[in-house]
N, C-alpha and C. Protein backbone atom coordinates (compact mmCIF):
# COMPACT_ATOMS: atom_id res chain seq x y z
N MET A 1 58.10 -49.20 -23.54
CA MET A 1 57.70 -49.56 -24.89
C MET A 1 56.34 -48.96 -25.22
N ARG A 2 56.18 -48.43 -26.40
CA ARG A 2 54.93 -47.82 -26.83
C ARG A 2 53.87 -48.89 -27.06
N ASP A 3 52.62 -48.56 -26.76
CA ASP A 3 51.52 -49.51 -26.93
C ASP A 3 50.92 -49.34 -28.33
N ASP A 4 51.38 -50.15 -29.28
CA ASP A 4 50.92 -50.05 -30.66
C ASP A 4 49.52 -50.63 -30.86
N LYS A 5 49.03 -51.40 -29.90
CA LYS A 5 47.69 -51.98 -30.03
C LYS A 5 46.64 -50.88 -30.17
N SER A 6 46.78 -49.80 -29.39
CA SER A 6 45.79 -48.75 -29.44
C SER A 6 45.84 -48.00 -30.77
N ASP A 7 47.04 -47.82 -31.34
CA ASP A 7 47.16 -47.19 -32.64
C ASP A 7 46.48 -48.03 -33.72
N PHE A 8 46.69 -49.31 -33.68
CA PHE A 8 46.06 -50.21 -34.64
C PHE A 8 44.55 -50.15 -34.50
N LEU A 9 44.08 -50.18 -33.28
CA LEU A 9 42.64 -50.22 -33.03
C LEU A 9 41.95 -48.95 -33.53
N LYS A 10 42.57 -47.81 -33.36
CA LYS A 10 41.97 -46.55 -33.79
C LYS A 10 41.63 -46.59 -35.27
N GLY A 11 42.49 -47.18 -36.07
CA GLY A 11 42.28 -47.23 -37.51
C GLY A 11 41.27 -48.27 -37.95
N THR A 12 40.94 -49.20 -37.10
CA THR A 12 40.07 -50.31 -37.51
C THR A 12 38.85 -50.49 -36.60
N LEU A 13 38.69 -49.61 -35.63
CA LEU A 13 37.63 -49.78 -34.64
C LEU A 13 36.24 -49.89 -35.28
N ASP A 14 35.93 -48.98 -36.22
CA ASP A 14 34.60 -49.02 -36.84
C ASP A 14 34.35 -50.36 -37.52
N MET A 15 35.35 -50.85 -38.25
CA MET A 15 35.20 -52.12 -38.95
C MET A 15 34.98 -53.27 -37.97
N LEU A 16 35.73 -53.28 -36.87
CA LEU A 16 35.57 -54.35 -35.88
C LEU A 16 34.19 -54.30 -35.24
N ILE A 17 33.71 -53.11 -34.92
CA ILE A 17 32.39 -52.96 -34.33
C ILE A 17 31.32 -53.45 -35.31
N LEU A 18 31.41 -53.01 -36.56
CA LEU A 18 30.42 -53.43 -37.56
C LEU A 18 30.42 -54.95 -37.74
N LYS A 19 31.60 -55.55 -37.72
CA LYS A 19 31.70 -57.01 -37.88
C LYS A 19 31.01 -57.73 -36.72
N ILE A 20 31.21 -57.27 -35.51
CA ILE A 20 30.58 -57.89 -34.35
C ILE A 20 29.06 -57.70 -34.40
N VAL A 21 28.61 -56.50 -34.73
CA VAL A 21 27.18 -56.22 -34.80
C VAL A 21 26.53 -57.02 -35.93
N ALA A 22 27.28 -57.31 -36.99
CA ALA A 22 26.74 -58.11 -38.11
C ALA A 22 26.32 -59.50 -37.65
N LEU A 23 26.86 -59.97 -36.54
CA LEU A 23 26.51 -61.29 -36.02
C LEU A 23 25.14 -61.31 -35.36
N GLY A 24 24.59 -60.13 -35.07
CA GLY A 24 23.27 -60.04 -34.45
C GLY A 24 23.21 -58.88 -33.49
N PRO A 25 21.99 -58.43 -33.14
CA PRO A 25 21.84 -57.28 -32.23
C PRO A 25 22.61 -57.49 -30.92
N ILE A 26 23.28 -56.43 -30.48
CA ILE A 26 24.14 -56.56 -29.30
C ILE A 26 24.32 -55.17 -28.67
N HIS A 27 24.47 -55.14 -27.36
CA HIS A 27 24.69 -53.87 -26.66
C HIS A 27 26.18 -53.55 -26.59
N GLY A 28 26.49 -52.32 -26.21
CA GLY A 28 27.87 -51.84 -26.21
C GLY A 28 28.83 -52.70 -25.40
N TYR A 29 28.45 -53.05 -24.18
CA TYR A 29 29.34 -53.87 -23.35
C TYR A 29 29.58 -55.22 -24.02
N GLY A 30 28.53 -55.77 -24.64
CA GLY A 30 28.66 -57.05 -25.34
C GLY A 30 29.62 -56.96 -26.51
N ILE A 31 29.60 -55.83 -27.22
CA ILE A 31 30.53 -55.61 -28.33
C ILE A 31 31.96 -55.63 -27.82
N ALA A 32 32.21 -54.86 -26.77
CA ALA A 32 33.56 -54.79 -26.19
C ALA A 32 34.03 -56.16 -25.73
N LEU A 33 33.14 -56.90 -25.08
CA LEU A 33 33.49 -58.22 -24.58
C LEU A 33 33.80 -59.20 -25.72
N ARG A 34 32.98 -59.19 -26.76
CA ARG A 34 33.21 -60.09 -27.90
C ARG A 34 34.52 -59.78 -28.60
N ILE A 35 34.80 -58.50 -28.81
CA ILE A 35 36.06 -58.13 -29.47
C ILE A 35 37.23 -58.60 -28.63
N GLN A 36 37.14 -58.42 -27.32
CA GLN A 36 38.22 -58.87 -26.43
C GLN A 36 38.37 -60.38 -26.49
N GLN A 37 37.26 -61.11 -26.43
CA GLN A 37 37.31 -62.57 -26.45
C GLN A 37 37.84 -63.11 -27.77
N ILE A 38 37.29 -62.61 -28.88
CA ILE A 38 37.68 -63.12 -30.20
C ILE A 38 39.13 -62.79 -30.51
N SER A 39 39.61 -61.65 -30.03
CA SER A 39 41.00 -61.25 -30.28
C SER A 39 41.97 -61.85 -29.27
N ASN A 40 41.50 -62.75 -28.42
CA ASN A 40 42.34 -63.35 -27.38
C ASN A 40 43.01 -62.28 -26.52
N ASP A 41 42.21 -61.29 -26.13
CA ASP A 41 42.65 -60.20 -25.24
C ASP A 41 43.65 -59.23 -25.87
N VAL A 42 43.86 -59.30 -27.18
CA VAL A 42 44.74 -58.33 -27.82
C VAL A 42 44.08 -56.96 -27.80
N PHE A 43 42.76 -56.91 -28.04
CA PHE A 43 42.02 -55.65 -28.02
C PHE A 43 41.12 -55.60 -26.81
N GLN A 44 41.27 -54.55 -26.03
CA GLN A 44 40.42 -54.30 -24.87
C GLN A 44 39.89 -52.89 -25.01
N LEU A 45 38.64 -52.78 -25.46
CA LEU A 45 38.05 -51.48 -25.73
C LEU A 45 37.67 -50.76 -24.45
N GLN A 46 38.02 -49.50 -24.40
CA GLN A 46 37.62 -48.64 -23.29
C GLN A 46 36.34 -47.92 -23.68
N GLN A 47 35.51 -47.59 -22.70
CA GLN A 47 34.25 -46.89 -22.97
C GLN A 47 34.49 -45.59 -23.72
N GLY A 48 35.58 -44.92 -23.44
CA GLY A 48 35.90 -43.65 -24.08
C GLY A 48 36.19 -43.78 -25.57
N SER A 49 36.49 -44.98 -26.03
CA SER A 49 36.68 -45.23 -27.46
C SER A 49 35.43 -45.84 -28.08
N LEU A 50 34.83 -46.79 -27.37
CA LEU A 50 33.71 -47.55 -27.92
C LEU A 50 32.47 -46.70 -28.14
N TYR A 51 32.02 -46.01 -27.11
CA TYR A 51 30.73 -45.32 -27.22
C TYR A 51 30.73 -44.15 -28.20
N PRO A 52 31.80 -43.35 -28.28
CA PRO A 52 31.82 -42.34 -29.34
C PRO A 52 31.78 -42.97 -30.74
N ALA A 53 32.46 -44.10 -30.92
CA ALA A 53 32.44 -44.79 -32.21
C ALA A 53 31.03 -45.30 -32.52
N LEU A 54 30.34 -45.86 -31.52
CA LEU A 54 28.97 -46.34 -31.73
C LEU A 54 28.04 -45.19 -32.10
N HIS A 55 28.18 -44.06 -31.43
CA HIS A 55 27.34 -42.90 -31.73
C HIS A 55 27.59 -42.39 -33.15
N LYS A 56 28.86 -42.38 -33.56
CA LYS A 56 29.21 -41.94 -34.91
C LYS A 56 28.62 -42.90 -35.95
N LEU A 57 28.74 -44.19 -35.72
CA LEU A 57 28.20 -45.19 -36.66
C LEU A 57 26.69 -45.08 -36.76
N GLU A 58 26.04 -44.79 -35.64
CA GLU A 58 24.59 -44.61 -35.64
C GLU A 58 24.23 -43.32 -36.39
N LYS A 59 24.96 -42.25 -36.14
CA LYS A 59 24.72 -40.98 -36.82
C LYS A 59 24.91 -41.12 -38.33
N ASP A 60 25.90 -41.93 -38.74
CA ASP A 60 26.18 -42.16 -40.16
C ASP A 60 25.23 -43.18 -40.79
N LYS A 61 24.26 -43.65 -40.00
CA LYS A 61 23.24 -44.60 -40.45
C LYS A 61 23.80 -45.96 -40.87
N LEU A 62 24.92 -46.33 -40.24
CA LEU A 62 25.50 -47.65 -40.45
C LEU A 62 24.97 -48.64 -39.41
N LEU A 63 24.49 -48.09 -38.29
CA LEU A 63 23.87 -48.87 -37.22
C LEU A 63 22.54 -48.23 -36.85
N THR A 64 21.62 -49.07 -36.37
CA THR A 64 20.41 -48.57 -35.71
C THR A 64 20.49 -49.05 -34.27
N ALA A 65 19.74 -48.40 -33.40
CA ALA A 65 19.79 -48.77 -31.99
C ALA A 65 18.39 -48.78 -31.41
N GLU A 66 18.18 -49.70 -30.47
CA GLU A 66 16.88 -49.84 -29.82
C GLU A 66 17.13 -50.22 -28.36
N TRP A 67 16.41 -49.56 -27.45
CA TRP A 67 16.54 -49.88 -26.03
C TRP A 67 15.77 -51.16 -25.73
N LYS A 68 16.45 -52.11 -25.08
CA LYS A 68 15.84 -53.40 -24.70
C LYS A 68 16.41 -53.82 -23.35
N ALA A 69 15.76 -54.80 -22.76
CA ALA A 69 16.26 -55.37 -21.51
C ALA A 69 17.37 -56.38 -21.81
N THR A 70 18.41 -56.35 -20.99
CA THR A 70 19.49 -57.33 -21.11
C THR A 70 19.11 -58.60 -20.36
N ASP A 71 20.00 -59.58 -20.37
CA ASP A 71 19.77 -60.82 -19.64
C ASP A 71 19.61 -60.58 -18.15
N THR A 72 20.22 -59.50 -17.65
CA THR A 72 20.14 -59.19 -16.22
C THR A 72 18.92 -58.33 -15.90
N GLY A 73 18.14 -57.96 -16.92
CA GLY A 73 16.94 -57.16 -16.70
C GLY A 73 17.16 -55.67 -16.80
N ARG A 74 18.40 -55.25 -16.96
CA ARG A 74 18.70 -53.82 -17.10
C ARG A 74 18.45 -53.40 -18.55
N GLU A 75 18.10 -52.13 -18.72
CA GLU A 75 17.90 -51.58 -20.07
C GLU A 75 19.26 -51.22 -20.68
N ALA A 76 19.41 -51.55 -21.96
CA ALA A 76 20.62 -51.20 -22.69
C ALA A 76 20.26 -50.94 -24.14
N LYS A 77 21.09 -50.18 -24.79
CA LYS A 77 20.90 -49.88 -26.20
C LYS A 77 21.50 -51.03 -27.01
N PHE A 78 20.66 -51.69 -27.80
CA PHE A 78 21.11 -52.80 -28.65
C PHE A 78 21.29 -52.27 -30.07
N TYR A 79 22.43 -52.56 -30.65
CA TYR A 79 22.77 -52.07 -31.98
C TYR A 79 22.57 -53.16 -33.02
N SER A 80 22.09 -52.74 -34.20
CA SER A 80 21.92 -53.63 -35.35
C SER A 80 22.52 -52.96 -36.57
N LEU A 81 22.97 -53.79 -37.50
CA LEU A 81 23.55 -53.30 -38.74
C LEU A 81 22.45 -52.90 -39.72
N THR A 82 22.59 -51.77 -40.38
CA THR A 82 21.66 -51.36 -41.43
C THR A 82 22.16 -51.94 -42.76
N ILE A 83 21.36 -51.81 -43.80
CA ILE A 83 21.79 -52.24 -45.13
C ILE A 83 23.02 -51.44 -45.54
N LYS A 84 22.98 -50.14 -45.29
CA LYS A 84 24.13 -49.28 -45.59
C LYS A 84 25.36 -49.73 -44.80
N GLY A 85 25.15 -50.12 -43.54
CA GLY A 85 26.23 -50.60 -42.70
C GLY A 85 26.84 -51.89 -43.22
N ARG A 86 26.00 -52.79 -43.71
CA ARG A 86 26.48 -54.06 -44.25
C ARG A 86 27.35 -53.81 -45.49
N LYS A 87 26.89 -52.91 -46.37
CA LYS A 87 27.66 -52.59 -47.58
C LYS A 87 28.99 -51.93 -47.20
N HIS A 88 28.95 -51.04 -46.22
CA HIS A 88 30.16 -50.37 -45.76
C HIS A 88 31.14 -51.39 -45.17
N LEU A 89 30.63 -52.32 -44.39
CA LEU A 89 31.47 -53.36 -43.80
C LEU A 89 32.13 -54.20 -44.89
N GLU A 90 31.37 -54.61 -45.87
CA GLU A 90 31.93 -55.42 -46.96
C GLU A 90 33.06 -54.67 -47.66
N SER A 91 32.85 -53.39 -47.92
CA SER A 91 33.87 -52.57 -48.56
C SER A 91 35.12 -52.44 -47.69
N GLU A 92 34.92 -52.19 -46.39
CA GLU A 92 36.05 -52.05 -45.47
C GLU A 92 36.84 -53.35 -45.34
N VAL A 93 36.15 -54.48 -45.31
CA VAL A 93 36.82 -55.78 -45.20
C VAL A 93 37.66 -56.03 -46.46
N GLN A 94 37.09 -55.76 -47.62
CA GLN A 94 37.84 -55.93 -48.87
C GLN A 94 39.09 -55.05 -48.88
N ASN A 95 38.93 -53.80 -48.46
CA ASN A 95 40.07 -52.89 -48.41
C ASN A 95 41.11 -53.37 -47.41
N TRP A 96 40.65 -53.81 -46.24
CA TRP A 96 41.58 -54.32 -45.21
C TRP A 96 42.36 -55.52 -45.74
N GLN A 97 41.68 -56.43 -46.41
CA GLN A 97 42.35 -57.62 -46.94
C GLN A 97 43.38 -57.25 -48.00
N ARG A 98 43.06 -56.27 -48.83
CA ARG A 98 43.99 -55.81 -49.86
C ARG A 98 45.23 -55.19 -49.21
N VAL A 99 45.01 -54.30 -48.24
CA VAL A 99 46.13 -53.62 -47.57
C VAL A 99 46.96 -54.60 -46.76
N SER A 100 46.31 -55.47 -45.99
CA SER A 100 47.07 -56.40 -45.16
C SER A 100 47.83 -57.41 -46.03
N GLY A 101 47.26 -57.78 -47.17
CA GLY A 101 47.97 -58.66 -48.10
C GLY A 101 49.22 -57.99 -48.63
N ALA A 102 49.11 -56.71 -48.98
CA ALA A 102 50.27 -55.97 -49.49
C ALA A 102 51.34 -55.85 -48.41
N VAL A 103 50.93 -55.58 -47.17
CA VAL A 103 51.89 -55.49 -46.07
C VAL A 103 52.58 -56.84 -45.87
N SER A 104 51.83 -57.92 -45.93
CA SER A 104 52.41 -59.26 -45.77
C SER A 104 53.46 -59.55 -46.85
N ILE A 105 53.17 -59.15 -48.08
CA ILE A 105 54.13 -59.36 -49.17
C ILE A 105 55.42 -58.59 -48.89
N ILE A 106 55.26 -57.34 -48.46
CA ILE A 106 56.45 -56.52 -48.17
C ILE A 106 57.25 -57.12 -47.02
N LEU A 107 56.55 -57.56 -45.96
CA LEU A 107 57.25 -58.12 -44.80
C LEU A 107 57.94 -59.45 -45.11
N SER A 108 57.45 -60.19 -46.09
CA SER A 108 58.05 -61.48 -46.42
C SER A 108 59.19 -61.36 -47.44
N THR A 109 59.47 -60.13 -47.86
CA THR A 109 60.56 -59.90 -48.80
C THR A 109 61.88 -60.19 -48.10
N ALA A 110 62.71 -60.98 -48.76
CA ALA A 110 64.02 -61.34 -48.18
C ALA A 110 64.92 -60.13 -48.09
N GLU A 111 65.71 -60.09 -47.05
CA GLU A 111 66.65 -58.97 -46.87
C GLU A 111 67.92 -59.23 -47.62
């Protein structure tokens, strides 16, 4: 059986990352862990997907990053949402809600 979870995630990864970062500054591993926890293990981000997405969001000025010590004392890059990132997230969430609502209507159509 094909793994459709990864296809879904590719289309929404930026939005999910921005939503998690909107909750407060967080490092990459923390983002992956929160997404996994909140999604009840439906989404499990691999480093090969997460870090390129974080770099792209930072390059696009949707996130800023600062090196800080983690709880374990190790240095990590902590990401924060920019004003531009917050506006982008709001727009993406509205679009997602519109699209998912339309899909729900189609799926609930009687055969």
